[in-house]
Amino acid sequence: MNTIARIGVDLAKNVMQIHAVDQSGHIVTRKA
């Protein structure tokens, strides 16, 4: 089971990107 430890949000002018990583730093989800 991948538990999300951190969420990063990039709010640019025209694009929003979200990525989430687990405690070991592996990417759990990435949305653009």
N, C-alpha and C. Protein backbone atom coordinates (compact mmCIF):
# COMPACT_ATOMS: atom_id res chain seq x y z
N MET A 1 0.84 -1.18 0.00
CA MET A 1 0.00 0.00 0.00
C MET A 1 0.88 1.23 0.00
N ASN A 2 0.62 2.15 -0.92
CA ASN A 2 1.41 3.37 -1.02
C ASN A 2 0.73 4.49 -0.25
N THR A 3 1.34 4.89 0.84
CA THR A 3 0.82 5.99 1.64
C THR A 3 1.50 7.27 1.21
N ILE A 4 0.72 8.30 0.97
CA ILE A 4 1.27 9.58 0.54
C ILE A 4 1.87 10.29 1.74
N ALA A 5 3.15 10.67 1.61
CA ALA A 5 3.84 11.38 2.68
C ALA A 5 3.96 12.87 2.38
N ARG A 6 4.14 13.22 1.10
CA ARG A 6 4.28 14.62 0.70
C ARG A 6 3.52 14.85 -0.60
N ILE A 7 2.99 16.05 -0.73
CA ILE A 7 2.31 16.45 -1.96
C ILE A 7 2.93 17.75 -2.43
N GLY A 8 3.29 17.80 -3.72
CA GLY A 8 3.83 19.02 -4.32
C GLY A 8 2.84 19.56 -5.33
N VAL A 9 2.62 20.87 -5.31
CA VAL A 9 1.70 21.52 -6.24
C VAL A 9 2.46 22.63 -6.94
N ASP A 10 2.42 22.61 -8.28
CA ASP A 10 3.05 23.65 -9.09
C ASP A 10 1.94 24.45 -9.76
N LEU A 11 1.79 25.69 -9.37
CA LEU A 11 0.74 26.55 -9.91
C LEU A 11 1.35 27.55 -10.88
N ALA A 12 1.38 27.19 -12.14
CA ALA A 12 1.88 28.08 -13.18
C ALA A 12 0.71 28.91 -13.73
N LYS A 13 0.98 29.74 -14.71
CA LYS A 13 -0.07 30.59 -15.26
C LYS A 13 -1.17 29.77 -15.94
N ASN A 14 -0.80 28.79 -16.75
CA ASN A 14 -1.78 28.04 -17.52
C ASN A 14 -1.86 26.56 -17.15
N VAL A 15 -0.95 26.07 -16.34
CA VAL A 15 -0.87 24.64 -16.05
C VAL A 15 -0.77 24.43 -14.54
N MET A 16 -1.47 23.42 -14.04
CA MET A 16 -1.34 23.02 -12.64
C MET A 16 -0.87 21.58 -12.60
N GLN A 17 0.21 21.29 -11.88
CA GLN A 17 0.74 19.95 -11.76
C GLN A 17 0.76 19.55 -10.29
N ILE A 18 0.42 18.30 -10.02
CA ILE A 18 0.43 17.77 -8.66
C ILE A 18 1.19 16.45 -8.69
N HIS A 19 2.09 16.25 -7.72
CA HIS A 19 2.70 14.94 -7.57
C HIS A 19 2.77 14.60 -6.09
N ALA A 20 2.65 13.31 -5.81
CA ALA A 20 2.67 12.83 -4.43
C ALA A 20 3.72 11.73 -4.31
N VAL A 21 4.48 11.75 -3.22
CA VAL A 21 5.51 10.74 -2.98
C VAL A 21 5.28 10.07 -1.64
N ASP A 22 5.78 8.83 -1.53
CA ASP A 22 5.67 8.11 -0.27
C ASP A 22 6.88 8.43 0.61
N GLN A 23 6.99 7.76 1.74
CA GLN A 23 8.04 8.07 2.71
C GLN A 23 9.43 7.78 2.16
N SER A 24 9.56 6.84 1.23
CA SER A 24 10.88 6.52 0.67
C SER A 24 11.22 7.38 -0.54
N GLY A 25 10.32 8.27 -0.94
CA GLY A 25 10.60 9.19 -2.03
C GLY A 25 10.13 8.71 -3.39
N HIS A 26 9.47 7.57 -3.46
CA HIS A 26 8.94 7.06 -4.72
C HIS A 26 7.63 7.77 -5.07
N ILE A 27 7.46 8.08 -6.35
CA ILE A 27 6.26 8.78 -6.79
C ILE A 27 5.06 7.86 -6.70
N VAL A 28 4.02 8.32 -6.01
CA VAL A 28 2.77 7.56 -5.86
C VAL A 28 1.80 7.95 -6.96
N THR A 29 1.65 9.24 -7.21
CA THR A 29 0.75 9.72 -8.26
C THR A 29 1.29 11.00 -8.85
N ARG A 30 0.97 11.22 -10.11
CA ARG A 30 1.39 12.44 -10.80
C ARG A 30 0.28 12.85 -11.74
N LYS A 31 -0.19 14.08 -11.60
CA LYS A 31 -1.27 14.61 -12.43
C LYS A 31 -0.83 15.93 -13.04
N ALA A 32 -1.18 16.14 -14.28
CA ALA A 32 -0.84 17.40 -14.94
C ALA A 32 -2.07 17.97 -15.60
